[in-house]
Structure formats: C-alpha cells, structure tokens
Amino acid sequence: NIPAHVFELFPVLKQMLGRRGGDLSGGQQQQLAIGRALVMRPKLLVLDEPTEGIQPSIIKDIGRAIRYLRDQAEIAVLLVEQYLDFCRELADEVNIMDRGQIVHTGPAEDLDRADVRKFLTV
C-alpha cells in the first residue's frame, strides 16, 4: 500500500513501476529509496548525502520533497550533507563535524558566518 504523496513527490516512480530498481538512474534510485522509506510512514527520515552524484534537476526535486515532508507531512528529517547550499535552503539547525567531533551547532544561517566557514571545506 503506497501512500499517494509518494507518487506526488516523485511522479517518475509511478511511470517506472514496472522496472527494477537496478535499472533506474542514480537520481531515480535515490527517489525510490526515499519513497520506500515513506511507505513505512516514519516520524523521522534519515538521509545520508542524498545529493551525491545526482543531477541538479533531481536535487531540486529531492529538496522540494524534503521541504514538503518537513512542513506538510510533519516528518522530522535528519540530513547528512556536504552540499552547503542544499543544507542552507532546507535546514533549521546545523551541526558541523570534523573528524567525528561536532565543532559547531547553530541555525542554518550560521553557514554564512566567517567563524563558522573556517570549519567548512567547499
């Protein structure tokens, strides 16, 4: 039983229902992975670098989906990501890690501060 909002968020998945996951592009596989998680109706969704190796148009689709899940579906999203613009657009709060240690915690706007940017490698 697939919730309707999965296909609303990722319409390409409905078109690809007859295909195997391994036959999908990297971006489609990422959308499928998120869609599979949403079938379980989670309260928390953990995404580990969902933009890695994905073309820009799919990154925008995933960003819209995360925004919807956060704002409308009331699902908490833990996003692990190195693409700073993506984080800045979606995050309420950021934690920056260096070698496994949290070196900064604060609002997403902190990513623009010079004292915080010293921790970031772009």
PDB file of N, CA and C in Angstrom:
ATOM      1  N   ASN A   1       0.845  -1.174   0.000  1.00  0.00           N
ATOM      2  CA  ASN A   1       0.000   0.000   0.000  1.00  0.00           C
ATOM      3  C   ASN A   1       0.895   1.244   0.000  1.00  0.00           C
ATOM      4  N   ILE A   2       1.004   1.898  -1.123  1.00  0.00           N
ATOM      5  CA  ILE A   2       1.886   3.056  -1.275  1.00  0.00           C
ATOM      6  C   ILE A   2       1.077   4.331  -1.078  1.00  0.00           C
ATOM      7  N   PRO A   3       1.477   5.171  -0.101  1.00  0.00           N
ATOM      8  CA  PRO A   3       0.760   6.427   0.107  1.00  0.00           C
ATOM      9  C   PRO A   3       0.797   7.289  -1.159  1.00  0.00           C
ATOM     10  N   ALA A   4      -0.291   7.968  -1.447  1.00  0.00           N
ATOM     11  CA  ALA A   4      -0.402   8.784  -2.666  1.00  0.00           C
ATOM     12  C   ALA A   4       0.666   9.858  -2.732  1.00  0.00           C
ATOM     13  N   HIS A   5       1.060  10.411  -1.563  1.00  0.00           N
ATOM     14  CA  HIS A   5       2.028  11.500  -1.602  1.00  0.00           C
ATOM     15  C   HIS A   5       3.403  11.059  -2.097  1.00  0.00           C
ATOM     16  N   VAL A   6       3.703   9.758  -2.064  1.00  0.00           N
ATOM     17  CA  VAL A   6       4.983   9.280  -2.605  1.00  0.00           C
ATOM     18  C   VAL A   6       5.038   9.557  -4.105  1.00  0.00           C
ATOM     19  N   PHE A   7       3.943   9.252  -4.807  1.00  0.00           N
ATOM     20  CA  PHE A   7       3.908   9.493  -6.253  1.00  0.00           C
ATOM     21  C   PHE A   7       3.723  10.971  -6.571  1.00  0.00           C
ATOM     22  N   GLU A   8       3.124  11.717  -5.661  1.00  0.00           N
ATOM     23  CA  GLU A   8       3.018  13.163  -5.861  1.00  0.00           C
ATOM     24  C   GLU A   8       4.395  13.819  -5.723  1.00  0.00           C
ATOM     25  N   LEU A   9       5.187  13.338  -4.783  1.00  0.00           N
ATOM     26  CA  LEU A   9       6.531  13.870  -4.590  1.00  0.00           C
ATOM     27  C   LEU A   9       7.473  13.450  -5.718  1.00  0.00           C
ATOM     28  N   PHE A  10       7.337  12.215  -6.153  1.00  0.00           N
ATOM     29  CA  PHE A  10       8.229  11.649  -7.167  1.00  0.00           C
ATOM     30  C   PHE A  10       7.412  10.986  -8.275  1.00  0.00           C
ATOM     31  N   PRO A  11       6.824  11.784  -9.176  1.00  0.00           N
ATOM     32  CA  PRO A  11       5.970  11.220 -10.227  1.00  0.00           C
ATOM     33  C   PRO A  11       6.682  10.209 -11.118  1.00  0.00           C
ATOM     34  N   VAL A  12       7.984  10.330 -11.259  1.00  0.00           N
ATOM     35  CA  VAL A  12       8.723   9.402 -12.114  1.00  0.00           C
ATOM     36  C   VAL A  12       8.606   7.968 -11.595  1.00  0.00           C
ATOM     37  N   LEU A  13       8.416   7.808 -10.293  1.00  0.00           N
ATOM     38  CA  LEU A  13       8.302   6.458  -9.736  1.00  0.00           C
ATOM     39  C   LEU A  13       7.053   5.747 -10.233  1.00  0.00           C
ATOM     40  N   LYS A  14       5.975   6.475 -10.422  1.00  0.00           N
ATOM     41  CA  LYS A  14       4.752   5.861 -10.931  1.00  0.00           C
ATOM     42  C   LYS A  14       4.963   5.375 -12.367  1.00  0.00           C
ATOM     43  N   GLN A  15       5.701   6.181 -13.141  1.00  0.00           N
ATOM     44  CA  GLN A  15       5.995   5.804 -14.528  1.00  0.00           C
ATOM     45  C   GLN A  15       6.914   4.587 -14.586  1.00  0.00           C
ATOM     46  N   MET A  16       7.702   4.373 -13.538  1.00  0.00           N
ATOM     47  CA  MET A  16       8.705   3.309 -13.531  1.00  0.00           C
ATOM     48  C   MET A  16       8.278   2.085 -12.718  1.00  0.00           C
ATOM     49  N   LEU A  17       7.009   1.982 -12.368  1.00  0.00           N
ATOM     50  CA  LEU A  17       6.555   0.884 -11.510  1.00  0.00           C
ATOM     51  C   LEU A  17       6.929  -0.500 -12.035  1.00  0.00           C
ATOM     52  N   GLY A  18       6.966  -0.657 -13.327  1.00  0.00           N
ATOM     53  CA  GLY A  18       7.269  -1.969 -13.900  1.00  0.00           C
ATOM     54  C   GLY A  18       8.747  -2.278 -14.000  1.00  0.00           C
ATOM     55  N   ARG A  19       9.603  -1.330 -13.661  1.00  0.00           N
ATOM     56  CA  ARG A  19      11.046  -1.528 -13.791  1.00  0.00           C
ATOM     57  C   ARG A  19      11.678  -1.922 -12.463  1.00  0.00           C
ATOM     58  N   ARG A  20      12.786  -2.618 -12.556  1.00  0.00           N
ATOM     59  CA  ARG A  20      13.539  -2.988 -11.361  1.00  0.00           C
ATOM     60  C   ARG A  20      14.364  -1.795 -10.898  1.00  0.00           C
ATOM     61  N   GLY A  21      14.592  -1.687  -9.587  1.00  0.00           N
ATOM     62  CA  GLY A  21      15.354  -0.577  -9.027  1.00  0.00           C
ATOM     63  C   GLY A  21      16.735  -0.430  -9.638  1.00  0.00           C
ATOM     64  N   GLY A  22      17.391  -1.555  -9.930  1.00  0.00           N
ATOM     65  CA  GLY A  22      18.730  -1.525 -10.507  1.00  0.00           C
ATOM     66  C   GLY A  22      18.771  -0.988 -11.920  1.00  0.00           C
ATOM     67  N   ASP A  23      17.608  -0.925 -12.584  1.00  0.00           N
ATOM     68  CA  ASP A  23      17.541  -0.411 -13.947  1.00  0.00           C
ATOM     69  C   ASP A  23      17.285   1.091 -13.985  1.00  0.00           C
ATOM     70  N   LEU A  24      17.163   1.727 -12.825  1.00  0.00           N
ATOM     71  CA  LEU A  24      16.878   3.153 -12.753  1.00  0.00           C
ATOM     72  C   LEU A  24      18.176   3.958 -12.712  1.00  0.00           C
ATOM     73  N   SER A  25      18.096   5.227 -13.085  1.00  0.00           N
ATOM     74  CA  SER A  25      19.261   6.108 -12.982  1.00  0.00           C
ATOM     75  C   SER A  25      19.575   6.346 -11.505  1.00  0.00           C
ATOM     76  N   GLY A  26      20.727   6.953 -11.234  1.00  0.00           N
ATOM     77  CA  GLY A  26      21.105   7.235  -9.850  1.00  0.00           C
ATOM     78  C   GLY A  26      20.093   8.121  -9.141  1.00  0.00           C
ATOM     79  N   GLY A  27      19.624   9.156  -9.836  1.00  0.00           N
ATOM     80  CA  GLY A  27      18.634  10.051  -9.243  1.00  0.00           C
ATOM     81  C   GLY A  27      17.311   9.347  -8.989  1.00  0.00           C
ATOM     82  N   GLN A  28      16.904   8.496  -9.924  1.00  0.00           N
ATOM     83  CA  GLN A  28      15.662   7.742  -9.745  1.00  0.00           C
ATOM     84  C   GLN A  28      15.803   6.753  -8.594  1.00  0.00           C
ATOM     85  N   GLN A  29      16.985   6.157  -8.461  1.00  0.00           N
ATOM     86  CA  GLN A  29      17.219   5.229  -7.346  1.00  0.00           C
ATOM     87  C   GLN A  29      17.150   5.962  -6.012  1.00  0.00           C
ATOM     88  N   GLN A  30      17.666   7.192  -5.976  1.00  0.00           N
ATOM     89  CA  GLN A  30      17.604   7.979  -4.744  1.00  0.00           C
ATOM     90  C   GLN A  30      16.146   8.298  -4.402  1.00  0.00           C
ATOM     91  N   GLN A  31      15.355   8.670  -5.397  1.00  0.00           N
ATOM     92  CA  GLN A  31      13.939   8.945  -5.177  1.00  0.00           C
ATOM     93  C   GLN A  31      13.223   7.677  -4.716  1.00  0.00           C
ATOM     94  N   LEU A  32      13.569   6.543  -5.314  1.00  0.00           N
ATOM     95  CA  LEU A  32      12.975   5.271  -4.915  1.00  0.00           C
ATOM     96  C   LEU A  32      13.313   4.941  -3.461  1.00  0.00           C
ATOM     97  N   ALA A  33      14.558   5.170  -3.056  1.00  0.00           N
ATOM     98  CA  ALA A  33      14.962   4.888  -1.676  1.00  0.00           C
ATOM     99  C   ALA A  33      14.151   5.739  -0.687  1.00  0.00           C
ATOM    100  N   ILE A  34      13.971   7.010  -1.007  1.00  0.00           N
ATOM    101  CA  ILE A  34      13.172   7.883  -0.137  1.00  0.00           C
ATOM    102  C   ILE A  34      11.716   7.421  -0.146  1.00  0.00           C
ATOM    103  N   GLY A  35      11.198   7.105  -1.330  1.00  0.00           N
ATOM    104  CA  GLY A  35       9.823   6.619  -1.439  1.00  0.00           C
ATOM    105  C   GLY A  35       9.595   5.355  -0.631  1.00  0.00           C
ATOM    106  N   ARG A  36      10.542   4.423  -0.691  1.00  0.00           N
ATOM    107  CA  ARG A  36      10.428   3.180   0.091  1.00  0.00           C
ATOM    108  C   ARG A  36      10.362   3.488   1.590  1.00  0.00           C
ATOM    109  N   ALA A  37      11.190   4.421   2.027  1.00  0.00           N
ATOM    110  CA  ALA A  37      11.180   4.780   3.446  1.00  0.00           C
ATOM    111  C   ALA A  37       9.833   5.384   3.833  1.00  0.00           C
ATOM    112  N   LEU A  38       9.263   6.195   2.940  1.00  0.00           N
ATOM    113  CA  LEU A  38       7.996   6.864   3.246  1.00  0.00           C
ATOM    114  C   LEU A  38       6.821   5.898   3.334  1.00  0.00           C
ATOM    115  N   VAL A  39       6.929   4.760   2.678  1.00  0.00           N
ATOM    116  CA  VAL A  39       5.864   3.754   2.746  1.00  0.00           C
ATOM    117  C   VAL A  39       5.631   3.319   4.195  1.00  0.00           C
ATOM    118  N   MET A  40       6.696   3.360   5.001  1.00  0.00           N
ATOM    119  CA  MET A  40       6.589   2.949   6.402  1.00  0.00           C
ATOM    120  C   MET A  40       6.008   4.044   7.291  1.00  0.00           C
ATOM    121  N   ARG A  41       5.707   5.207   6.703  1.00  0.00           N
ATOM    122  CA  ARG A  41       5.138   6.353   7.417  1.00  0.00           C
ATOM    123  C   ARG A  41       5.971   6.719   8.664  1.00  0.00           C
ATOM    124  N   PRO A  42       7.248   7.034   8.434  1.00  0.00           N
ATOM    125  CA  PRO A  42       8.131   7.311   9.578  1.00  0.00           C
ATOM    126  C   PRO A  42       7.843   8.665  10.221  1.00  0.00           C
ATOM    127  N   LYS A  43       8.271   8.805  11.446  1.00  0.00           N
ATOM    128  CA  LYS A  43       8.229  10.104  12.124  1.00  0.00           C
ATOM    129  C   LYS A  43       9.562  10.826  11.907  1.00  0.00           C
ATOM    130  N   LEU A  44      10.617  10.054  11.620  1.00  0.00           N
ATOM    131  CA  LEU A  44      11.951  10.585  11.370  1.00  0.00           C
ATOM    132  C   LEU A  44      12.501   9.936  10.105  1.00  0.00           C
ATOM    133  N   LEU A  45      13.019  10.749   9.210  1.00  0.00           N
ATOM    134  CA  LEU A  45      13.638  10.267   7.980  1.00  0.00           C
ATOM    135  C   LEU A  45      15.102  10.689   8.011  1.00  0.00           C
ATOM    136  N   VAL A  46      16.020   9.718   7.934  1.00  0.00           N
ATOM    137  CA  VAL A  46      17.451   9.997   7.939  1.00  0.00           C
ATOM    138  C   VAL A  46      17.953   9.857   6.504  1.00  0.00           C
ATOM    139  N   LEU A  47      18.530  10.952   5.983  1.00  0.00           N
ATOM    140  CA  LEU A  47      19.055  10.960   4.617  1.00  0.00           C
ATOM    141  C   LEU A  47      20.555  11.228   4.662  1.00  0.00           C
ATOM    142  N   ASP A  48      21.328  10.300   4.130  1.00  0.00           N
ATOM    143  CA  ASP A  48      22.777  10.419   4.119  1.00  0.00           C
ATOM    144  C   ASP A  48      23.235  10.825   2.719  1.00  0.00           C
ATOM    145  N   GLU A  49      23.592  12.090   2.557  1.00  0.00           N
ATOM    146  CA  GLU A  49      24.071  12.674   1.312  1.00  0.00           C
ATOM    147  C   GLU A  49      23.176  12.337   0.106  1.00  0.00           C
ATOM    148  N   PRO A  50      21.910  12.751   0.170  1.00  0.00           N
ATOM    149  CA  PRO A  50      21.003  12.428  -0.931  1.00  0.00           C
ATOM    150  C   PRO A  50      21.350  13.123  -2.246  1.00  0.00           C
ATOM    151  N   THR A  51      22.244  14.114  -2.235  1.00  0.00           N
ATOM    152  CA  THR A  51      22.595  14.817  -3.471  1.00  0.00           C
ATOM    153  C   THR A  51      23.828  14.234  -4.156  1.00  0.00           C
ATOM    154  N   GLU A  52      24.506  13.306  -3.509  1.00  0.00           N
ATOM    155  CA  GLU A  52      25.769  12.798  -4.047  1.00  0.00           C
ATOM    156  C   GLU A  52      25.570  12.104  -5.400  1.00  0.00           C
ATOM    157  N   GLY A  53      26.245  12.633  -6.407  1.00  0.00           N
ATOM    158  CA  GLY A  53      26.211  12.040  -7.741  1.00  0.00           C
ATOM    159  C   GLY A  53      24.904  12.232  -8.482  1.00  0.00           C
ATOM    160  N   ILE A  54      24.073  13.158  -8.039  1.00  0.00           N
ATOM    161  CA  ILE A  54      22.752  13.346  -8.624  1.00  0.00           C
ATOM    162  C   ILE A  54      22.750  14.627  -9.456  1.00  0.00           C
ATOM    163  N   GLN A  55      22.060  14.587 -10.594  1.00  0.00           N
ATOM    164  CA  GLN A  55      21.991  15.768 -11.457  1.00  0.00           C
ATOM    165  C   GLN A  55      21.165  16.865 -10.799  1.00  0.00           C
ATOM    166  N   PRO A  56      21.451  18.133 -11.141  1.00  0.00           N
ATOM    167  CA  PRO A  56      20.813  19.279 -10.476  1.00  0.00           C
ATOM    168  C   PRO A  56      19.282  19.259 -10.475  1.00  0.00           C
ATOM    169  N   SER A  57      18.644  18.820 -11.541  1.00  0.00           N
ATOM    170  CA  SER A  57      17.171  18.820 -11.558  1.00  0.00           C
ATOM    171  C   SER A  57      16.606  17.849 -10.522  1.00  0.00           C
ATOM    172  N   ILE A  58      17.272  16.728 -10.317  1.00  0.00           N
ATOM    173  CA  ILE A  58      16.818  15.750  -9.320  1.00  0.00           C
ATOM    174  C   ILE A  58      17.095  16.276  -7.917  1.00  0.00           C
ATOM    175  N   ILE A  59      18.200  17.003  -7.745  1.00  0.00           N
ATOM    176  CA  ILE A  59      18.493  17.612  -6.447  1.00  0.00           C
ATOM    177  C   ILE A  59      17.364  18.557  -6.063  1.00  0.00           C
ATOM    178  N   LYS A  60      16.877  19.329  -7.022  1.00  0.00           N
ATOM    179  CA  LYS A  60      15.760  20.241  -6.743  1.00  0.00           C
ATOM    180  C   LYS A  60      14.513  19.461  -6.359  1.00  0.00           C
ATOM    181  N   ASP A  61      14.237  18.345  -7.052  1.00  0.00           N
ATOM    182  CA  ASP A  61      13.079  17.514  -6.726  1.00  0.00           C
ATOM    183  C   ASP A  61      13.184  16.963  -5.304  1.00  0.00           C
ATOM    184  N   ILE A  62      14.367  16.502  -4.951  1.00  0.00           N
ATOM    185  CA  ILE A  62      14.570  15.952  -3.611  1.00  0.00           C
ATOM    186  C   ILE A  62      14.426  17.056  -2.567  1.00  0.00           C
ATOM    187  N   GLY A  63      14.940  18.239  -2.868  1.00  0.00           N
ATOM    188  CA  GLY A  63      14.786  19.375  -1.956  1.00  0.00           C
ATOM    189  C   GLY A  63      13.327  19.723  -1.739  1.00  0.00           C
ATOM    190  N   ARG A  64      12.537  19.759  -2.824  1.00  0.00           N
ATOM    191  CA  ARG A  64      11.099  20.038  -2.695  1.00  0.00           C
ATOM    192  C   ARG A  64      10.420  18.966  -1.847  1.00  0.00           C
ATOM    193  N   ALA A  65      10.820  17.717  -2.050  1.00  0.00           N
ATOM    194  CA  ALA A  65      10.226  16.622  -1.271  1.00  0.00           C
ATOM    195  C   ALA A  65      10.559  16.764   0.211  1.00  0.00           C
ATOM    196  N   ILE A  66      11.802  17.083   0.524  1.00  0.00           N
ATOM    197  CA  ILE A  66      12.195  17.250   1.926  1.00  0.00           C
ATOM    198  C   ILE A  66      11.415  18.396   2.557  1.00  0.00           C
ATOM    199  N   ARG A  67      11.297  19.487   1.831  1.00  0.00           N
ATOM    200  CA  ARG A  67      10.542  20.649   2.331  1.00  0.00           C
ATOM    201  C   ARG A  67       9.095  20.246   2.611  1.00  0.00           C
ATOM    202  N   TYR A  68       8.472  19.514   1.690  1.00  0.00           N
ATOM    203  CA  TYR A  68       7.094  19.061   1.875  1.00  0.00           C
ATOM    204  C   TYR A  68       6.992  18.152   3.106  1.00  0.00           C
ATOM    205  N   LEU A  69       7.893  17.196   3.204  1.00  0.00           N
ATOM    206  CA  LEU A  69       7.839  16.253   4.327  1.00  0.00           C
ATOM    207  C   LEU A  69       7.988  16.970   5.659  1.00  0.00           C
ATOM    208  N   ARG A  70       8.875  17.936   5.693  1.00  0.00           N
ATOM    209  CA  ARG A  70       9.121  18.697   6.914  1.00  0.00           C
ATOM    210  C   ARG A  70       7.920  19.566   7.274  1.00  0.00           C
ATOM    211  N   ASP A  71       7.383  20.280   6.281  1.00  0.00           N
ATOM    212  CA  ASP A  71       6.351  21.288   6.548  1.00  0.00           C
ATOM    213  C   ASP A  71       4.929  20.742   6.541  1.00  0.00           C
ATOM    214  N   GLN A  72       4.621  19.851   5.623  1.00  0.00           N
ATOM    215  CA  GLN A  72       3.245  19.378   5.457  1.00  0.00           C
ATOM    216  C   GLN A  72       3.005  18.017   6.099  1.00  0.00           C
ATOM    217  N   ALA A  73       3.934  17.103   5.911  1.00  0.00           N
ATOM    218  CA  ALA A  73       3.741  15.753   6.439  1.00  0.00           C
ATOM    219  C   ALA A  73       4.228  15.638   7.877  1.00  0.00           C
ATOM    220  N   GLU A  74       4.861  16.702   8.379  1.00  0.00           N
ATOM    221  CA  GLU A  74       5.350  16.751   9.755  1.00  0.00           C
ATOM    222  C   GLU A  74       6.272  15.574  10.089  1.00  0.00           C
ATOM    223  N   ILE A  75       7.190  15.310   9.163  1.00  0.00           N
ATOM    224  CA  ILE A  75       8.198  14.290   9.376  1.00  0.00           C
ATOM    225  C   ILE A  75       9.513  15.012   9.674  1.00  0.00           C
ATOM    226  N   ALA A  76      10.149  14.640  10.761  1.00  0.00           N
ATOM    227  CA  ALA A  76      11.463  15.203  11.065  1.00  0.00           C
ATOM    228  C   ALA A  76      12.478  14.602  10.101  1.00  0.00           C
ATOM    229  N   VAL A  77      13.376  15.437   9.600  1.00  0.00           N
ATOM    230  CA  VAL A  77      14.377  14.981   8.644  1.00  0.00           C
ATOM    231  C   VAL A  77      15.760  15.273   9.201  1.00  0.00           C
ATOM    232  N   LEU A  78      16.571  14.222   9.321  1.00  0.00           N
ATOM    233  CA  LEU A  78      17.968  14.361   9.682  1.00  0.00           C
ATOM    234  C   LEU A  78      18.748  14.227   8.383  1.00  0.00           C
ATOM    235  N   LEU A  79      19.368  15.305   7.970  1.00  0.00           N
ATOM    236  CA  LEU A  79      20.049  15.367   6.682  1.00  0.00           C
ATOM    237  C   LEU A  79      21.549  15.447   6.913  1.00  0.00           C
ATOM    238  N   VAL A  80      22.274  14.453   6.412  1.00  0.00           N
ATOM    239  CA  VAL A  80      23.728  14.464   6.436  1.00  0.00           C
ATOM    240  C   VAL A  80      24.153  14.848   5.031  1.00  0.00           C
ATOM    241  N   GLU A  81      24.834  15.969   4.900  1.00  0.00           N
ATOM    242  CA  GLU A  81      25.080  16.505   3.556  1.00  0.00           C
ATOM    243  C   GLU A  81      26.326  17.376   3.545  1.00  0.00           C
ATOM    244  N   GLN A  82      27.039  17.356   2.411  1.00  0.00           N
ATOM    245  CA  GLN A  82      28.200  18.224   2.225  1.00  0.00           C
ATOM    246  C   GLN A  82      27.895  19.387   1.291  1.00  0.00           C
ATOM    247  N   TYR A  83      26.802  19.328   0.566  1.00  0.00           N
ATOM    248  CA  TYR A  83      26.412  20.380  -0.370  1.00  0.00           C
ATOM    249  C   TYR A  83      25.762  21.499   0.448  1.00  0.00           C
ATOM    250  N   LEU A  84      26.552  22.558   0.715  1.00  0.00           N
ATOM    251  CA  LEU A  84      26.136  23.595   1.666  1.00  0.00           C
ATOM    252  C   LEU A  84      24.898  24.369   1.244  1.00  0.00           C
ATOM    253  N   ASP A  85      24.768  24.687  -0.041  1.00  0.00           N
ATOM    254  CA  ASP A  85      23.578  25.428  -0.478  1.00  0.00           C
ATOM    255  C   ASP A  85      22.311  24.617  -0.203  1.00  0.00           C
ATOM    256  N   PHE A  86      22.379  23.328  -0.409  1.00  0.00           N
ATOM    257  CA  PHE A  86      21.251  22.441  -0.146  1.00  0.00           C
ATOM    258  C   PHE A  86      20.902  22.491   1.344  1.00  0.00           C
ATOM    259  N   CYS A  87      21.924  22.421   2.195  1.00  0.00           N
ATOM    260  CA  CYS A  87      21.704  22.492   3.648  1.00  0.00           C
ATOM    261  C   CYS A  87      21.110  23.828   4.050  1.00  0.00           C
ATOM    262  N   ARG A  88      21.668  24.886   3.517  1.00  0.00           N
ATOM    263  CA  ARG A  88      21.225  26.239   3.881  1.00  0.00           C
ATOM    264  C   ARG A  88      19.746  26.427   3.546  1.00  0.00           C
ATOM    265  N   GLU A  89      19.321  25.872   2.413  1.00  0.00           N
ATOM    266  CA  GLU A  89      17.928  26.020   1.976  1.00  0.00           C
ATOM    267  C   GLU A  89      16.954  25.210   2.828  1.00  0.00           C
ATOM    268  N   LEU A  90      17.393  24.083   3.360  1.00  0.00           N
ATOM    269  CA  LEU A  90      16.471  23.151   3.999  1.00  0.00           C
ATOM    270  C   LEU A  90      16.563  23.060   5.511  1.00  0.00           C
ATOM    271  N   ALA A  91      17.722  23.370   6.052  1.00  0.00           N
ATOM    272  CA  ALA A  91      17.949  23.109   7.475  1.00  0.00           C
ATOM    273  C   ALA A  91      17.390  24.208   8.364  1.00  0.00           C
ATOM    274  N   ASP A  92      16.915  23.792   9.511  1.00  0.00           N
ATOM    275  CA  ASP A  92      16.582  24.727  10.574  1.00  0.00           C
ATOM    276  C   ASP A  92      17.827  24.941  11.427  1.00  0.00           C
ATOM    277  N   GLU A  93      18.502  23.842  11.720  1.00  0.00           N
ATOM    278  CA  GLU A  93      19.700  23.868  12.545  1.00  0.00           C
ATOM    279  C   GLU A  93      20.761  22.994  11.900  1.00  0.00           C
ATOM    280  N   VAL A  94      22.019  23.384  12.058  1.00  0.00           N
ATOM    281  CA  VAL A  94      23.120  22.603  11.500  1.00  0.00           C
ATOM    282  C   VAL A  94      24.092  22.202  12.605  1.00  0.00           C
ATOM    283  N   ASN A  95      24.686  21.061  12.405  1.00  0.00           N
ATOM    284  CA  ASN A  95      25.785  20.585  13.232  1.00  0.00           C
ATOM    285  C   ASN A  95      26.928  20.299  12.270  1.00  0.00           C
ATOM    286  N   ILE A  96      28.071  20.872  12.524  1.00  0.00           N
ATOM    287  CA  ILE A  96      29.228  20.657  11.665  1.00  0.00           C
ATOM    288  C   ILE A  96      30.179  19.726  12.396  1.00  0.00           C
ATOM    289  N   MET A  97      30.594  18.682  11.675  1.00  0.00           N
ATOM    290  CA  MET A  97      31.503  17.706  12.260  1.00  0.00           C
ATOM    291  C   MET A  97      32.857  17.785  11.578  1.00  0.00           C
ATOM    292  N   ASP A  98      33.898  17.558  12.365  1.00  0.00           N
ATOM    293  CA  ASP A  98      35.256  17.471  11.858  1.00  0.00           C
ATOM    294  C   ASP A  98      35.895  16.261  12.513  1.00  0.00           C
ATOM    295  N   ARG A  99      36.235  15.291  11.702  1.00  0.00           N
ATOM    296  CA  ARG A  99      36.856  14.052  12.196  1.00  0.00           C
ATOM    297  C   ARG A  99      36.027  13.401  13.301  1.00  0.00           C
ATOM    298  N   GLY A 100      34.715  13.375  13.106  1.00  0.00           N
ATOM    299  CA  GLY A 100      33.823  12.698  14.039  1.00  0.00           C
ATOM    300  C   GLY A 100      33.404  13.510  15.253  1.00  0.00           C
ATOM    301  N   GLN A 101      33.892  14.719  15.374  1.00  0.00           N
ATOM    302  CA  GLN A 101      33.540  15.570  16.506  1.00  0.00           C
ATOM    303  C   GLN A 101      32.676  16.736  16.033  1.00  0.00           C
ATOM    304  N   ILE A 102      31.632  17.058  16.773  1.00  0.00           N
ATOM    305  CA  ILE A 102      30.816  18.228  16.447  1.00  0.00           C
ATOM    306  C   ILE A 102      31.597  19.467  16.869  1.00  0.00           C
ATOM    307  N   VAL A 103      31.864  20.339  15.877  1.00  0.00           N
ATOM    308  CA  VAL A 103      32.646  21.552  16.146  1.00  0.00           C
ATOM    309  C   VAL A 103      31.785  22.809  16.142  1.00  0.00           C
ATOM    310  N   HIS A 104      30.549  22.679  15.673  1.00  0.00           N
ATOM    311  CA  HIS A 104      29.640  23.831  15.693  1.00  0.00           C
ATOM    312  C   HIS A 104      28.203  23.339  15.634  1.00  0.00           C
ATOM    313  N   THR A 105      27.337  23.997  16.400  1.00  0.00           N
ATOM    314  CA  THR A 105      25.899  23.773  16.361  1.00  0.00           C
ATOM    315  C   THR A 105      25.231  25.140  16.352  1.00  0.00           C
ATOM    316  N   GLY A 106      24.253  25.305  15.456  1.00  0.00           N
ATOM    317  CA  GLY A 106      23.551  26.581  15.401  1.00  0.00           C
ATOM    318  C   GLY A 106      22.558  26.610  14.259  1.00  0.00           C
ATOM    319  N   PRO A 107      21.917  27.754  14.049  1.00  0.00           N
ATOM    320  CA  PRO A 107      20.952  27.874  12.950  1.00  0.00           C
ATOM    321  C   PRO A 107      21.648  27.791  11.595  1.00  0.00           C
ATOM    322  N   ALA A 108      20.896  27.426  10.561  1.00  0.00           N
ATOM    323  CA  ALA A 108      21.468  27.272   9.219  1.00  0.00           C
ATOM    324  C   ALA A 108      22.128  28.552   8.733  1.00  0.00           C
ATOM    325  N   GLU A 109      21.641  29.699   9.163  1.00  0.00           N
ATOM    326  CA  GLU A 109      22.227  30.974   8.747  1.00  0.00           C
ATOM    327  C   GLU A 109      23.685  31.093   9.178  1.00  0.00           C
ATOM    328  N   ASP A 110      24.085  30.329  10.189  1.00  0.00           N
ATOM    329  CA  ASP A 110      25.474  30.357  10.647  1.00  0.00           C
ATOM    330  C   ASP A 110      26.449  29.937   9.557  1.00  0.00           C
ATOM    331  N   LEU A 111      25.971  29.212   8.553  1.00  0.00           N
ATOM    332  CA  LEU A 111      26.860  28.760   7.477  1.00  0.00           C
ATOM    333  C   LEU A 111      27.477  29.931   6.726  1.00  0.00           C
ATOM    334  N   ASP A 112      26.915  31.123   6.871  1.00  0.00           N
ATOM    335  CA  ASP A 112      27.443  32.312   6.205  1.00  0.00           C
ATOM    336  C   ASP A 112      28.436  33.081   7.075  1.00  0.00           C
ATOM    337  N   ARG A 113      28.570  32.707   8.322  1.00  0.00           N
ATOM    338  CA  ARG A 113      29.475  33.430   9.226  1.00  0.00           C
ATOM    339  C   ARG A 113      30.915  32.989   9.008  1.00  0.00           C
ATOM    340  N   ALA A 114      31.832  33.955   9.031  1.00  0.00           N
ATOM    341  CA  ALA A 114      33.254  33.673   8.805  1.00  0.00           C
ATOM    342  C   ALA A 114      33.809  32.700   9.849  1.00  0.00           C
ATOM    343  N   ASP A 115      33.418  32.863  11.107  1.00  0.00           N
ATOM    344  CA  ASP A 115      33.958  31.982  12.150  1.00  0.00           C
ATOM    345  C   ASP A 115      33.453  30.546  12.015  1.00  0.00           C
ATOM    346  N   VAL A 116      32.341  30.356  11.335  1.00  0.00           N
ATOM    347  CA  VAL A 116      31.822  29.014  11.092  1.00  0.00           C
ATOM    348  C   VAL A 116      32.393  28.458   9.786  1.00  0.00           C
ATOM    349  N   ARG A 117      32.535  29.309   8.784  1.00  0.00           N
ATOM    350  CA  ARG A 117      33.041  28.862   7.479  1.00  0.00           C
ATOM    351  C   ARG A 117      34.439  28.278   7.560  1.00  0.00           C
ATOM    352  N   LYS A 118      35.196  28.632   8.616  1.00  0.00           N
ATOM    353  CA  LYS A 118      36.550  28.081   8.749  1.00  0.00           C
ATOM    354  C   LYS A 118      36.513  26.563   8.915  1.00  0.00           C
ATOM    355  N   PHE A 119      35.365  26.032   9.362  1.00  0.00           N
ATOM    356  CA  PHE A 119      35.221  24.591   9.531  1.00  0.00           C
ATOM    357  C   PHE A 119      34.828  23.879   8.235  1.00  0.00           C
ATOM    358  N   LEU A 120      34.422  24.654   7.246  1.00  0.00           N
ATOM    359  CA  LEU A 120      33.854  24.082   6.036  1.00  0.00           C
ATOM    360  C   LEU A 120      34.890  23.981   4.930  1.00  0.00           C
ATOM    361  N   THR A 121      34.843  22.879   4.222  1.00  0.00           N
ATOM    362  CA  THR A 121      35.662  22.744   3.022  1.00  0.00           C
ATOM    363  C   THR A 121      34.699  22.730   1.856  1.00  0.00           C
ATOM    364  N   VAL A 122      34.905  23.618   0.929  1.00  0.00           N
ATOM    365  CA  VAL A 122      33.979  23.742  -0.204  1.00  0.00           C
ATOM    366  C   VAL A 122      34.596  23.115  -1.423  1.00  0.00           C
TER     367      VAL A 122
END
